[in-house]
PDB file of all heavy atoms in Angstrom:
ATOM      1  N   LYS A   1    -101.156-108.754-118.482  1.00  0.00           N
ATOM      2  CA  LYS A   1    -101.193-107.821-117.351  1.00  0.00           C
ATOM      3  C   LYS A   1    -100.208-108.263-116.283  1.00  0.00           C
ATOM      4  O   LYS A   1     -99.959-109.450-116.098  1.00  0.00           O
ATOM      5  CB  LYS A   1    -102.606-107.765-116.758  1.00  0.00           C
ATOM      6  CG  LYS A   1    -103.600-107.088-117.660  1.00  0.00           C
ATOM      7  CD  LYS A   1    -104.928-106.890-116.952  1.00  0.00           C
ATOM      8  CE  LYS A   1    -105.884-106.137-117.861  1.00  0.00           C
ATOM      9  NZ  LYS A   1    -107.147-105.875-117.185  1.00  0.00           N
ATOM     10  N   SER A   2     -99.661-107.275-115.573  1.00  0.00           N
ATOM     11  CA  SER A   2     -98.757-107.578-114.468  1.00  0.00           C
ATOM     12  C   SER A   2     -99.560-108.153-113.304  1.00  0.00           C
ATOM     13  O   SER A   2    -100.735-107.828-113.111  1.00  0.00           O
ATOM     14  CB  SER A   2     -97.993-106.323-114.036  1.00  0.00           C
ATOM     15  OG  SER A   2     -98.874-105.318-113.614  1.00  0.00           O
ATOM     16  N   ASP A   3     -98.908-109.011-112.517  1.00  0.00           N
ATOM     17  CA  ASP A   3     -99.594-109.630-111.384  1.00  0.00           C
ATOM     18  C   ASP A   3     -99.653-108.679-110.185  1.00  0.00           C
ATOM     19  O   ASP A   3     -99.258-107.505-110.285  1.00  0.00           O
ATOM     20  CB  ASP A   3     -98.940-110.962-111.018  1.00  0.00           C
ATOM     21  CG  ASP A   3     -97.532-110.834-110.439  1.00  0.00           C
ATOM     22  OD1 ASP A   3     -97.120-109.710-110.076  1.00  0.00           O
ATOM     23  OD2 ASP A   3     -96.840-111.856-110.342  1.00  0.00           O
ATOM     24  N   HIS A   4    -100.123-109.177-109.058  1.00  0.00           N
ATOM     25  CA  HIS A   4    -100.304-108.339-107.860  1.00  0.00           C
ATOM     26  C   HIS A   4     -98.984-107.777-107.320  1.00  0.00           C
ATOM     27  O   HIS A   4     -98.977-106.826-106.556  1.00  0.00           O
ATOM     28  CB  HIS A   4    -101.056-109.103-106.767  1.00  0.00           C
ATOM     29  CG  HIS A   4    -100.296-110.273-106.206  1.00  0.00           C
ATOM     30  ND1 HIS A   4    -100.185-111.475-106.872  1.00  0.00           N
ATOM     31  CD2 HIS A   4     -99.593-110.404-105.060  1.00  0.00           C
ATOM     32  CE1 HIS A   4     -99.453-112.305-106.151  1.00  0.00           C
ATOM     33  NE2 HIS A   4     -99.080-111.684-105.048  1.00  0.00           N
ATOM     34  N   ASN A   5     -97.850-108.368-107.723  1.00  0.00           N
ATOM     35  CA  ASN A   5     -96.536-107.856-107.316  1.00  0.00           C
ATOM     36  C   ASN A   5     -95.908-106.968-108.388  1.00  0.00           C
ATOM     37  O   ASN A   5     -94.769-106.535-108.243  1.00  0.00           O
ATOM     38  CB  ASN A   5     -95.581-109.012-107.011  1.00  0.00           C
ATOM     39  CG  ASN A   5     -95.971-109.754-105.761  1.00  0.00           C
ATOM     40  OD1 ASN A   5     -96.293-109.144-104.747  1.00  0.00           O
ATOM     41  ND2 ASN A   5     -95.968-111.072-105.833  1.00  0.00           N
ATOM     42  N   GLY A   6     -96.654-106.728-109.474  1.00  0.00           N
ATOM     43  CA  GLY A   6     -96.138-105.905-110.554  1.00  0.00           C
ATOM     44  C   GLY A   6     -95.276-106.672-111.543  1.00  0.00           C
ATOM     45  O   GLY A   6     -94.669-106.079-112.429  1.00  0.00           O
ATOM     46  N   TYR A   7     -95.216-108.006-111.422  1.00  0.00           N
ATOM     47  CA  TYR A   7     -94.373-108.817-112.295  1.00  0.00           C
ATOM     48  C   TYR A   7     -95.141-109.280-113.532  1.00  0.00           C
ATOM     49  O   TYR A   7     -96.356-109.479-113.501  1.00  0.00           O
ATOM     50  CB  TYR A   7     -93.846-110.045-111.556  1.00  0.00           C
ATOM     51  CG  TYR A   7     -92.909-109.718-110.426  1.00  0.00           C
ATOM     52  CD1 TYR A   7     -93.196-110.120-109.126  1.00  0.00           C
ATOM     53  CD2 TYR A   7     -91.731-109.019-110.647  1.00  0.00           C
ATOM     54  CE1 TYR A   7     -92.336-109.834-108.077  1.00  0.00           C
ATOM     55  CE2 TYR A   7     -90.862-108.727-109.609  1.00  0.00           C
ATOM     56  CZ  TYR A   7     -91.177-109.132-108.336  1.00  0.00           C
ATOM     57  OH  TYR A   7     -90.325-108.836-107.306  1.00  0.00           O
ATOM     58  N   PHE A   8     -94.386-109.500-114.591  1.00  0.00           N
ATOM     59  CA  PHE A   8     -94.942-110.084-115.803  1.00  0.00           C
ATOM     60  C   PHE A   8     -93.804-110.767-116.550  1.00  0.00           C
ATOM     61  O   PHE A   8     -92.630-110.528-116.288  1.00  0.00           O
ATOM     62  CB  PHE A   8     -95.606-109.023-116.693  1.00  0.00           C
ATOM     63  CG  PHE A   8     -94.672-107.949-117.162  1.00  0.00           C
ATOM     64  CD1 PHE A   8     -93.972-108.077-118.360  1.00  0.00           C
ATOM     65  CD2 PHE A   8     -94.487-106.787-116.409  1.00  0.00           C
ATOM     66  CE1 PHE A   8     -93.110-107.080-118.790  1.00  0.00           C
ATOM     67  CE2 PHE A   8     -93.622-105.790-116.840  1.00  0.00           C
ATOM     68  CZ  PHE A   8     -92.924-105.944-118.042  1.00  0.00           C
ATOM     69  N   SER A   9     -94.163-111.628-117.482  1.00  0.00           N
ATOM     70  CA  SER A   9     -93.170-112.338-118.271  1.00  0.00           C
ATOM     71  C   SER A   9     -93.626-112.340-119.721  1.00  0.00           C
ATOM     72  O   SER A   9     -94.790-112.620-120.006  1.00  0.00           O
ATOM     73  CB  SER A   9     -93.035-113.774-117.762  1.00  0.00           C
ATOM     74  OG  SER A   9     -92.125-114.500-118.559  1.00  0.00           O
ATOM     75  N   VAL A  10     -92.717-112.011-120.621  1.00  0.00           N
ATOM     76  CA  VAL A  10     -93.006-112.028-122.051  1.00  0.00           C
ATOM     77  C   VAL A  10     -91.848-112.671-122.791  1.00  0.00           C
ATOM     78  O   VAL A  10     -90.706-112.590-122.351  1.00  0.00           O
ATOM     79  CB  VAL A  10     -93.261-110.609-122.630  1.00  0.00           C
ATOM     80  CG1 VAL A  10     -94.505-109.992-122.038  1.00  0.00           C
ATOM     81  CG2 VAL A  10     -92.072-109.706-122.423  1.00  0.00           C
ATOM     82  N   ALA A  11     -92.178-113.300-123.910  1.00  0.00           N
ATOM     83  CA  ALA A  11     -91.151-113.860-124.779  1.00  0.00           C
ATOM     84  C   ALA A  11     -90.940-112.883-125.926  1.00  0.00           C
ATOM     85  O   ALA A  11     -91.905-112.392-126.517  1.00  0.00           O
ATOM     86  CB  ALA A  11     -91.599-115.215-125.314  1.00  0.00           C
ATOM     87  N   VAL A  12     -89.691-112.573-126.206  1.00  0.00           N
ATOM     88  CA  VAL A  12     -89.368-111.609-127.253  1.00  0.00           C
ATOM     89  C   VAL A  12     -88.463-112.291-128.272  1.00  0.00           C
ATOM     90  O   VAL A  12     -87.472-112.919-127.912  1.00  0.00           O
ATOM     91  CB  VAL A  12     -88.663-110.371-126.646  1.00  0.00           C
ATOM     92  CG1 VAL A  12     -88.238-109.420-127.736  1.00  0.00           C
ATOM     93  CG2 VAL A  12     -89.565-109.688-125.646  1.00  0.00           C
ATOM     94  N   ASN A  13     -88.810-112.165-129.545  1.00  0.00           N
ATOM     95  CA  ASN A  13     -87.987-112.708-130.632  1.00  0.00           C
ATOM     96  C   ASN A  13     -87.442-111.552-131.452  1.00  0.00           C
ATOM     97  O   ASN A  13     -88.199-110.797-132.036  1.00  0.00           O
ATOM     98  CB  ASN A  13     -88.820-113.625-131.528  1.00  0.00           C
ATOM     99  CG  ASN A  13     -89.281-114.860-130.778  1.00  0.00           C
ATOM    100  OD1 ASN A  13     -88.518-115.427-129.999  1.00  0.00           O
ATOM    101  ND2 ASN A  13     -90.523-115.262-130.987  1.00  0.00           N
ATOM    102  N   GLY A  14     -86.133-111.421-131.454  1.00  0.00           N
ATOM    103  CA  GLY A  14     -85.514-110.357-132.227  1.00  0.00           C
ATOM    104  C   GLY A  14     -85.730-108.988-131.615  1.00  0.00           C
ATOM    105  O   GLY A  14     -86.139-108.844-130.470  1.00  0.00           O
ATOM    106  N   MET A  15     -85.476-107.966-132.392  1.00  0.00           N
ATOM    107  CA  MET A  15     -85.632-106.584-131.935  1.00  0.00           C
ATOM    108  C   MET A  15     -87.082-106.157-132.110  1.00  0.00           C
ATOM    109  O   MET A  15     -87.664-106.340-133.172  1.00  0.00           O
ATOM    110  CB  MET A  15     -84.721-105.662-132.744  1.00  0.00           C
ATOM    111  CG  MET A  15     -84.772-104.225-132.299  1.00  0.00           C
ATOM    112  SD  MET A  15     -84.191-104.049-130.615  1.00  0.00           S
ATOM    113  CE  MET A  15     -82.914-102.876-130.864  1.00  0.00           C
ATOM    114  N   THR A  16     -87.658-105.605-131.045  1.00  0.00           N
ATOM    115  CA  THR A  16     -89.055-105.155-131.094  1.00  0.00           C
ATOM    116  C   THR A  16     -89.271-104.090-130.026  1.00  0.00           C
ATOM    117  O   THR A  16     -88.336-103.676-129.351  1.00  0.00           O
ATOM    118  CB  THR A  16     -90.029-106.342-130.909  1.00  0.00           C
ATOM    119  OG1 THR A  16     -91.364-105.905-131.149  1.00  0.00           O
ATOM    120  CG2 THR A  16     -89.929-106.939-129.514  1.00  0.00           C
ATOM    121  N   THR A  17     -90.493-103.680-129.864  1.00  0.00           N
ATOM    122  CA  THR A  17     -90.833-102.722-128.814  1.00  0.00           C
ATOM    123  C   THR A  17     -91.759-103.390-127.819  1.00  0.00           C
ATOM    124  O   THR A  17     -92.501-104.315-128.144  1.00  0.00           O
ATOM    125  CB  THR A  17     -91.531-101.468-129.374  1.00  0.00           C
ATOM    126  OG1 THR A  17     -92.717-101.861-130.035  1.00  0.00           O
ATOM    127  CG2 THR A  17     -90.621-100.701-130.304  1.00  0.00           C
ATOM    128  N   MET A  18     -91.688-102.919-126.600  1.00  0.00           N
ATOM    129  CA  MET A  18     -92.584-103.375-125.547  1.00  0.00           C
ATOM    130  C   MET A  18     -93.225-102.130-124.949  1.00  0.00           C
ATOM    131  O   MET A  18     -92.515-101.185-124.578  1.00  0.00           O
ATOM    132  CB  MET A  18     -91.821-104.146-124.466  1.00  0.00           C
ATOM    133  CG  MET A  18     -92.700-104.607-123.305  1.00  0.00           C
ATOM    134  SD  MET A  18     -91.834-105.683-122.117  1.00  0.00           S
ATOM    135  CE  MET A  18     -90.594-104.574-121.462  1.00  0.00           C
ATOM    136  N   THR A  19     -94.527-102.115-124.870  1.00  0.00           N
ATOM    137  CA  THR A  19     -95.243-100.986-124.301  1.00  0.00           C
ATOM    138  C   THR A  19     -95.887-101.417-122.991  1.00  0.00           C
ATOM    139  O   THR A  19     -96.550-102.452-122.927  1.00  0.00           O
ATOM    140  CB  THR A  19     -96.328-100.472-125.271  1.00  0.00           C
ATOM    141  OG1 THR A  19     -95.690-100.110-126.502  1.00  0.00           O
ATOM    142  CG2 THR A  19     -97.051 -99.258-124.698  1.00  0.00           C
ATOM    143  N   VAL A  20     -95.660-100.626-121.954  1.00  0.00           N
ATOM    144  CA  VAL A  20     -96.246-100.881-120.637  1.00  0.00           C
ATOM    145  C   VAL A  20     -97.087 -99.668-120.298  1.00  0.00           C
ATOM    146  O   VAL A  20     -96.615 -98.526-120.345  1.00  0.00           O
ATOM    147  CB  VAL A  20     -95.157-101.090-119.561  1.00  0.00           C
ATOM    148  CG1 VAL A  20     -95.788-101.389-118.212  1.00  0.00           C
ATOM    149  CG2 VAL A  20     -94.191-102.190-119.967  1.00  0.00           C
ATOM    150  N   SER A  21     -98.367 -99.924-119.961  1.00  0.00           N
ATOM    151  CA  SER A  21     -99.248 -98.804-119.637  1.00  0.00           C
ATOM    152  C   SER A  21    -100.129 -99.152-118.448  1.00  0.00           C
ATOM    153  O   SER A  21    -100.450-100.315-118.193  1.00  0.00           O
ATOM    154  CB  SER A  21    -100.117 -98.433-120.846  1.00  0.00           C
ATOM    155  OG  SER A  21    -100.923 -99.526-121.218  1.00  0.00           O
ATOM    156  N   HIS A  22    -100.503 -98.121-117.716  1.00  0.00           N
ATOM    157  CA  HIS A  22    -101.412 -98.250-116.575  1.00  0.00           C
ATOM    158  C   HIS A  22    -102.056 -96.902-116.355  1.00  0.00           C
ATOM    159  O   HIS A  22    -101.364 -95.895-116.192  1.00  0.00           O
ATOM    160  CB  HIS A  22    -100.651 -98.695-115.327  1.00  0.00           C
ATOM    161  CG  HIS A  22    -101.536 -98.964-114.160  1.00  0.00           C
ATOM    162  ND1 HIS A  22    -101.739 -98.052-113.163  1.00  0.00           N
ATOM    163  CD2 HIS A  22    -102.281-100.053-113.852  1.00  0.00           C
ATOM    164  CE1 HIS A  22    -102.562 -98.560-112.267  1.00  0.00           C
ATOM    165  NE2 HIS A  22    -102.917 -99.764-112.660  1.00  0.00           N
ATOM    166  N   LYS A  23    -103.361 -96.882-116.366  1.00  0.00           N
ATOM    167  CA  LYS A  23    -104.131 -95.641-116.239  1.00  0.00           C
ATOM    168  C   LYS A  23    -103.598 -94.606-117.224  1.00  0.00           C
ATOM    169  O   LYS A  23    -103.605 -94.847-118.414  1.00  0.00           O
ATOM    170  CB  LYS A  23    -104.141 -95.152-114.805  1.00  0.00           C
ATOM    171  CG  LYS A  23    -104.854 -96.107-113.867  1.00  0.00           C
ATOM    172  CD  LYS A  23    -104.927 -95.581-112.462  1.00  0.00           C
ATOM    173  CE  LYS A  23    -105.643 -96.599-111.568  1.00  0.00           C
ATOM    174  NZ  LYS A  23    -105.711 -96.168-110.210  1.00  0.00           N
ATOM    175  N   LYS A  24    -103.107 -93.479-116.745  1.00  0.00           N
ATOM    176  CA  LYS A  24    -102.628 -92.416-117.636  1.00  0.00           C
ATOM    177  C   LYS A  24    -101.114 -92.438-117.837  1.00  0.00           C
ATOM    178  O   LYS A  24    -100.545 -91.496-118.351  1.00  0.00           O
ATOM    179  CB  LYS A  24    -103.056 -91.049-117.097  1.00  0.00           C
ATOM    180  CG  LYS A  24    -104.553 -90.846-117.095  1.00  0.00           C
ATOM    181  CD  LYS A  24    -104.906 -89.458-116.596  1.00  0.00           C
ATOM    182  CE  LYS A  24    -106.405 -89.245-116.610  1.00  0.00           C
ATOM    183  NZ  LYS A  24    -106.773 -87.919-116.152  1.00  0.00           N
ATOM    184  N   SER A  25    -100.466 -93.529-117.427  1.00  0.00           N
ATOM    185  CA  SER A  25     -99.022 -93.640-117.570  1.00  0.00           C
ATOM    186  C   SER A  25     -98.698 -94.677-118.637  1.00  0.00           C
ATOM    187  O   SER A  25     -99.354 -95.704-118.740  1.00  0.00           O
ATOM    188  CB  SER A  25     -98.389 -94.071-116.246  1.00  0.00           C
ATOM    189  OG  SER A  25     -98.672 -93.135-115.243  1.00  0.00           O
ATOM    190  N   LYS A  26     -97.646 -94.393-119.399  1.00  0.00           N
ATOM    191  CA  LYS A  26     -97.271 -95.299-120.490  1.00  0.00           C
ATOM    192  C   LYS A  26     -95.794 -95.102-120.806  1.00  0.00           C
ATOM    193  O   LYS A  26     -95.290 -93.986-120.783  1.00  0.00           O
ATOM    194  CB  LYS A  26     -98.122 -94.981-121.717  1.00  0.00           C
ATOM    195  CG  LYS A  26     -97.845 -95.815-122.934  1.00  0.00           C
ATOM    196  CD  LYS A  26     -98.812 -95.403-124.046  1.00  0.00           C
ATOM    197  CE  LYS A  26     -98.528 -96.110-125.326  1.00  0.00           C
ATOM    198  NZ  LYS A  26     -99.456 -95.704-126.398  1.00  0.00           N
ATOM    199  N   THR A  27     -95.120 -96.211-121.083  1.00  0.00           N
ATOM    200  CA  THR A  27     -93.738 -96.134-121.523  1.00  0.00           C
ATOM    201  C   THR A  27     -93.498 -97.216-122.573  1.00  0.00           C
ATOM    202  O   THR A  27     -94.085 -98.287-122.501  1.00  0.00           O
ATOM    203  CB  THR A  27     -92.735 -96.265-120.357  1.00  0.00           C
ATOM    204  OG1 THR A  27     -91.435 -95.944-120.806  1.00  0.00           O
ATOM    205  CG2 THR A  27     -92.742 -97.641-119.739  1.00  0.00           C
ATOM    206  N   THR A  28     -92.655 -96.907-123.535  1.00  0.00           N
ATOM    207  CA  THR A  28     -92.307 -97.859-124.587  1.00  0.00           C
ATOM    208  C   THR A  28     -90.797 -98.061-124.588  1.00  0.00           C
ATOM    209  O   THR A  28     -90.033 -97.100-124.527  1.00  0.00           O
ATOM    210  CB  THR A  28     -92.776 -97.346-125.970  1.00  0.00           C
ATOM    211  OG1 THR A  28     -94.195 -97.156-125.920  1.00  0.00           O
ATOM    212  CG2 THR A  28     -92.454 -98.341-127.060  1.00  0.00           C
ATOM    213  N   LEU A  29     -90.397 -99.332-124.647  1.00  0.00           N
ATOM    214  CA  LEU A  29     -88.984 -99.684-124.619  1.00  0.00           C
ATOM    215  C   LEU A  29     -88.620-100.451-125.883  1.00  0.00           C
ATOM    216  O   LEU A  29     -89.426-101.232-126.394  1.00  0.00           O
ATOM    217  CB  LEU A  29     -88.687-100.610-123.432  1.00  0.00           C
ATOM    218  CG  LEU A  29     -89.144-100.193-122.055  1.00  0.00           C
ATOM    219  CD1 LEU A  29     -89.158-101.398-121.126  1.00  0.00           C
ATOM    220  CD2 LEU A  29     -88.201 -99.148-121.513  1.00  0.00           C
ATOM    221  N   ASN A  30     -87.418-100.268-126.358  1.00  0.00           N
ATOM    222  CA  ASN A  30     -86.879-101.132-127.404  1.00  0.00           C
ATOM    223  C   ASN A  30     -86.247-102.321-126.709  1.00  0.00           C
ATOM    224  O   ASN A  30     -85.438-102.151-125.790  1.00  0.00           O
ATOM    225  CB  ASN A  30     -85.831-100.396-128.243  1.00  0.00           C
ATOM    226  CG  ASN A  30     -86.462 -99.319-129.092  1.00  0.00           C
ATOM    227  OD1 ASN A  30     -87.535 -99.514-129.661  1.00  0.00           O
ATOM    228  ND2 ASN A  30     -85.804 -98.184-129.179  1.00  0.00           N
ATOM    229  N   VAL A  31     -86.644-103.528-127.124  1.00  0.00           N
ATOM    230  CA  VAL A  31     -86.126-104.734-126.478  1.00  0.00           C
ATOM    231  C   VAL A  31     -85.581-105.692-127.528  1.00  0.00           C
ATOM    232  O   VAL A  31     -85.994-105.679-128.680  1.00  0.00           O
ATOM    233  CB  VAL A  31     -87.215-105.428-125.620  1.00  0.00           C
ATOM    234  CG1 VAL A  31     -87.593-104.568-124.435  1.00  0.00           C
ATOM    235  CG2 VAL A  31     -88.437-105.769-126.448  1.00  0.00           C
ATOM    236  N   ASN A  32     -84.676-106.554-127.074  1.00  0.00           N
ATOM    237  CA  ASN A  32     -84.069-107.525-127.970  1.00  0.00           C
ATOM    238  C   ASN A  32     -83.832-108.814-127.208  1.00  0.00           C
ATOM    239  O   ASN A  32     -82.832-108.966-126.511  1.00  0.00           O
ATOM    240  CB  ASN A  32     -82.757-106.988-128.534  1.00  0.00           C
ATOM    241  CG  ASN A  32     -82.164-107.915-129.570  1.00  0.00           C
ATOM    242  OD1 ASN A  32     -82.832-108.816-130.061  1.00  0.00           O
ATOM    243  ND2 ASN A  32     -80.902-107.689-129.885  1.00  0.00           N
ATOM    244  N   GLU A  33     -84.744-109.743-127.296  1.00  0.00           N
ATOM    245  CA  GLU A  33     -84.641-111.060-126.683  1.00  0.00           C
ATOM    246  C   GLU A  33     -84.124-110.999-125.246  1.00  0.00           C
ATOM    247  O   GLU A  33     -83.096-111.582-124.904  1.00  0.00           O
ATOM    248  CB  GLU A  33     -83.758-111.971-127.544  1.00  0.00           C
ATOM    249  CG  GLU A  33     -84.334-112.205-128.919  1.00  0.00           C
ATOM    250  CD  GLU A  33     -83.480-113.131-129.776  1.00  0.00           C
ATOM    251  OE1 GLU A  33     -82.583-113.796-129.243  1.00  0.00           O
ATOM    252  OE2 GLU A  33     -83.733-113.159-130.986  1.00  0.00           O
ATOM    253  N   LEU A  34     -84.844-110.276-124.413  1.00  0.00           N
ATOM    254  CA  LEU A  34     -84.461-110.172-123.010  1.00  0.00           C
ATOM    255  C   LEU A  34     -84.613-111.523-122.334  1.00  0.00           C
ATOM    256  O   LEU A  34     -85.598-112.221-122.528  1.00  0.00           O
ATOM    257  CB  LEU A  34     -85.350-109.144-122.291  1.00  0.00           C
ATOM    258  CG  LEU A  34     -85.229-107.714-122.790  1.00  0.00           C
ATOM    259  CD1 LEU A  34     -86.270-106.844-122.114  1.00  0.00           C
ATOM    260  CD2 LEU A  34     -83.843-107.178-122.504  1.00  0.00           C
ATOM    261  N   THR A  35     -83.642-111.874-121.551  1.00  0.00           N
ATOM    262  CA  THR A  35     -83.728-113.143-120.829  1.00  0.00           C
ATOM    263  C   THR A  35     -83.635-112.929-119.323  1.00  0.00           C
ATOM    264  O   THR A  35     -83.612-113.871-118.565  1.00  0.00           O
ATOM    265  CB  THR A  35     -82.589-114.086-121.264  1.00  0.00           C
ATOM    266  OG1 THR A  35     -81.339-113.441-121.042  1.00  0.00           O
ATOM    267  CG2 THR A  35     -82.748-114.473-122.721  1.00  0.00           C
ATOM    268  N   GLY A  36     -83.569-111.709-118.896  1.00  0.00           N
ATOM    269  CA  GLY A  36     -83.433-111.406-117.470  1.00  0.00           C
ATOM    270  C   GLY A  36     -84.555-110.500-116.999  1.00  0.00           C
ATOM    271  O   GLY A  36     -85.588-110.361-117.642  1.00  0.00           O
ATOM    272  N   PHE A  37     -84.323-109.888-115.873  1.00  0.00           N
ATOM    273  CA  PHE A  37     -85.300-108.977-115.287  1.00  0.00           C
ATOM    274  C   PHE A  37     -85.019-107.554-115.743  1.00  0.00           C
ATOM    275  O   PHE A  37     -83.875-107.144-115.864  1.00  0.00           O
ATOM    276  CB  PHE A  37     -85.247-109.027-113.756  1.00  0.00           C
ATOM    277  CG  PHE A  37     -85.732-110.329-113.203  1.00  0.00           C
ATOM    278  CD1 PHE A  37     -84.843-111.331-112.870  1.00  0.00           C
ATOM    279  CD2 PHE A  37     -87.094-110.551-113.026  1.00  0.00           C
ATOM    280  CE1 PHE A  37     -85.281-112.532-112.358  1.00  0.00           C
ATOM    281  CE2 PHE A  37     -87.545-111.756-112.519  1.00  0.00           C
ATOM    282  CZ  PHE A  37     -86.644-112.752-112.183  1.00  0.00           C
ATOM    283  N   VAL A  38     -86.089-106.827-115.972  1.00  0.00           N
ATOM    284  CA  VAL A  38     -85.985-105.426-116.357  1.00  0.00           C
ATOM    285  C   VAL A  38     -86.954-104.651-115.481  1.00  0.00           C
ATOM    286  O   VAL A  38     -88.108-105.049-115.313  1.00  0.00           O
ATOM    287  CB  VAL A  38     -86.368-105.223-117.841  1.00  0.00           C
ATOM    288  CG1 VAL A  38     -86.380-103.755-118.192  1.00  0.00           C
ATOM    289  CG2 VAL A  38     -85.423-105.981-118.739  1.00  0.00           C
ATOM    290  N   ASP A  39     -86.485-103.579-114.878  1.00  0.00           N
ATOM    291  CA  ASP A  39     -87.375-102.689-114.133  1.00  0.00           C
ATOM    292  C   ASP A  39     -87.964-101.689-115.102  1.00  0.00           C
ATOM    293  O   ASP A  39     -87.234-101.031-115.848  1.00  0.00           O
ATOM    294  CB  ASP A  39     -86.625-101.926-113.033  1.00  0.00           C
ATOM    295  CG  ASP A  39     -86.305-102.796-111.837  1.00  0.00           C
ATOM    296  OD1 ASP A  39     -87.047-103.768-111.594  1.00  0.00           O
ATOM    297  OD2 ASP A  39     -85.322-102.507-111.146  1.00  0.00           O
ATOM    298  N   VAL A  40     -89.276-101.586-115.095  1.00  0.00           N
ATOM    299  CA  VAL A  40     -89.970-100.612-115.925  1.00  0.00           C
ATOM    300  C   VAL A  40     -90.578 -99.600-114.974  1.00  0.00           C
ATOM    301  O   VAL A  40     -91.290 -99.960-114.039  1.00  0.00           O
ATOM    302  CB  VAL A  40     -91.072-101.274-116.778  1.00  0.00           C
ATOM    303  CG1 VAL A  40     -91.812-100.234-117.594  1.00  0.00           C
ATOM    304  CG2 VAL A  40     -90.476-102.349-117.670  1.00  0.00           C
ATOM    305  N   VAL A  41     -90.279 -98.332-115.187  1.00  0.00           N
ATOM    306  CA  VAL A  41     -90.793 -97.279-114.324  1.00  0.00           C
ATOM    307  C   VAL A  41     -91.901 -96.544-115.062  1.00  0.00           C
ATOM    308  O   VAL A  41     -91.688 -96.015-116.148  1.00  0.00           O
ATOM    309  CB  VAL A  41     -89.681 -96.289-113.925  1.00  0.00           C
ATOM    310  CG1 VAL A  41     -90.244 -95.162-113.078  1.00  0.00           C
ATOM    311  CG2 VAL A  41     -88.573 -97.016-113.190  1.00  0.00           C
ATOM    312  N   LEU A  42     -93.075 -96.552-114.459  1.00  0.00           N
ATOM    313  CA  LEU A  42     -94.200 -95.796-115.005  1.00  0.00           C
ATOM    314  C   LEU A  42     -94.341 -94.528-114.186  1.00  0.00           C
ATOM    315  O   LEU A  42     -94.496 -94.582-112.968  1.00  0.00           O
ATOM    316  CB  LEU A  42     -95.493 -96.611-114.904  1.00  0.00           C
ATOM    317  CG  LEU A  42     -95.588 -97.849-115.779  1.00  0.00           C
ATOM    318  CD1 LEU A  42     -96.845 -98.640-115.439  1.00  0.00           C
ATOM    319  CD2 LEU A  42     -95.599 -97.449-117.237  1.00  0.00           C
ATOM    320  N   MET A  43     -94.262 -93.409-114.833  1.00  0.00           N
ATOM    321  CA  MET A  43     -94.379 -92.137-114.128  1.00  0.00           C
ATOM    322  C   MET A  43     -95.702 -91.498-114.518  1.00  0.00           C
ATOM    323  O   MET A  43     -95.997 -91.357-115.704  1.00  0.00           O
ATOM    324  CB  MET A  43     -93.214 -91.219-114.505  1.00  0.00           C
ATOM    325  CG  MET A  43     -93.155 -89.955-113.685  1.00  0.00           C
ATOM    326  SD  MET A  43     -93.075 -90.195-111.896  1.00  0.00           S
ATOM    327  CE  MET A  43     -91.535 -91.037-111.713  1.00  0.00           C
ATOM    328  N   PRO A  44     -96.503 -91.113-113.515  1.00  0.00           N
ATOM    329  CA  PRO A  44     -97.755 -90.433-113.826  1.00  0.00           C
ATOM    330  C   PRO A  44     -97.500 -89.117-114.557  1.00  0.00           C
ATOM    331  O   PRO A  44     -96.410 -88.546-114.462  1.00  0.00           O
ATOM    332  CB  PRO A  44     -98.376 -90.161-112.449  1.00  0.00           C
ATOM    333  CG  PRO A  44     -97.641 -91.032-111.498  1.00  0.00           C
ATOM    334  CD  PRO A  44     -96.293 -91.281-112.090  1.00  0.00           C
ATOM    335  N   THR A  45     -98.507 -88.626-115.226  1.00  0.00           N
ATOM    336  CA  THR A  45     -98.396 -87.316-115.860  1.00  0.00           C
ATOM    337  C   THR A  45     -98.159 -86.280-114.774  1.00  0.00           C
ATOM    338  O   THR A  45     -98.441 -86.515-113.597  1.00  0.00           O
ATOM    339  CB  THR A  45     -99.680 -86.950-116.626  1.00  0.00           C
ATOM    340  OG1 THR A  45    -100.753 -86.866-115.691  1.00  0.00           O
ATOM    341  CG2 THR A  45     -99.997 -87.963-117.722  1.00  0.00           C
ATOM    342  N   GLU A  46     -97.661 -85.140-115.169  1.00  0.00           N
ATOM    343  CA  GLU A  46     -97.386 -84.078-114.193  1.00  0.00           C
ATOM    344  C   GLU A  46     -98.647 -83.725-113.401  1.00  0.00           C
ATOM    345  O   GLU A  46     -98.621 -83.618-112.181  1.00  0.00           O
ATOM    346  CB  GLU A  46     -96.851 -82.838-114.904  1.00  0.00           C
ATOM    347  CG  GLU A  46     -96.578 -81.690-113.950  1.00  0.00           C
ATOM    348  CD  GLU A  46     -96.137 -80.421-114.636  1.00  0.00           C
ATOM    349  OE1 GLU A  46     -95.917 -80.425-115.861  1.00  0.00           O
ATOM    350  OE2 GLU A  46     -96.019 -79.409-113.928  1.00  0.00           O
TER     351      GLU A  46
END
């Protein structure tokens, strides 16, 4: 889970997917051994 500032850290090996969800919002990204920061935008349903 993301912390109180919305941050999280994961280790990724090779090409994979990362899913981020909160309440009714969800997004899936293709990732490949990220070593930096990535902004993930969760947009509520309409």
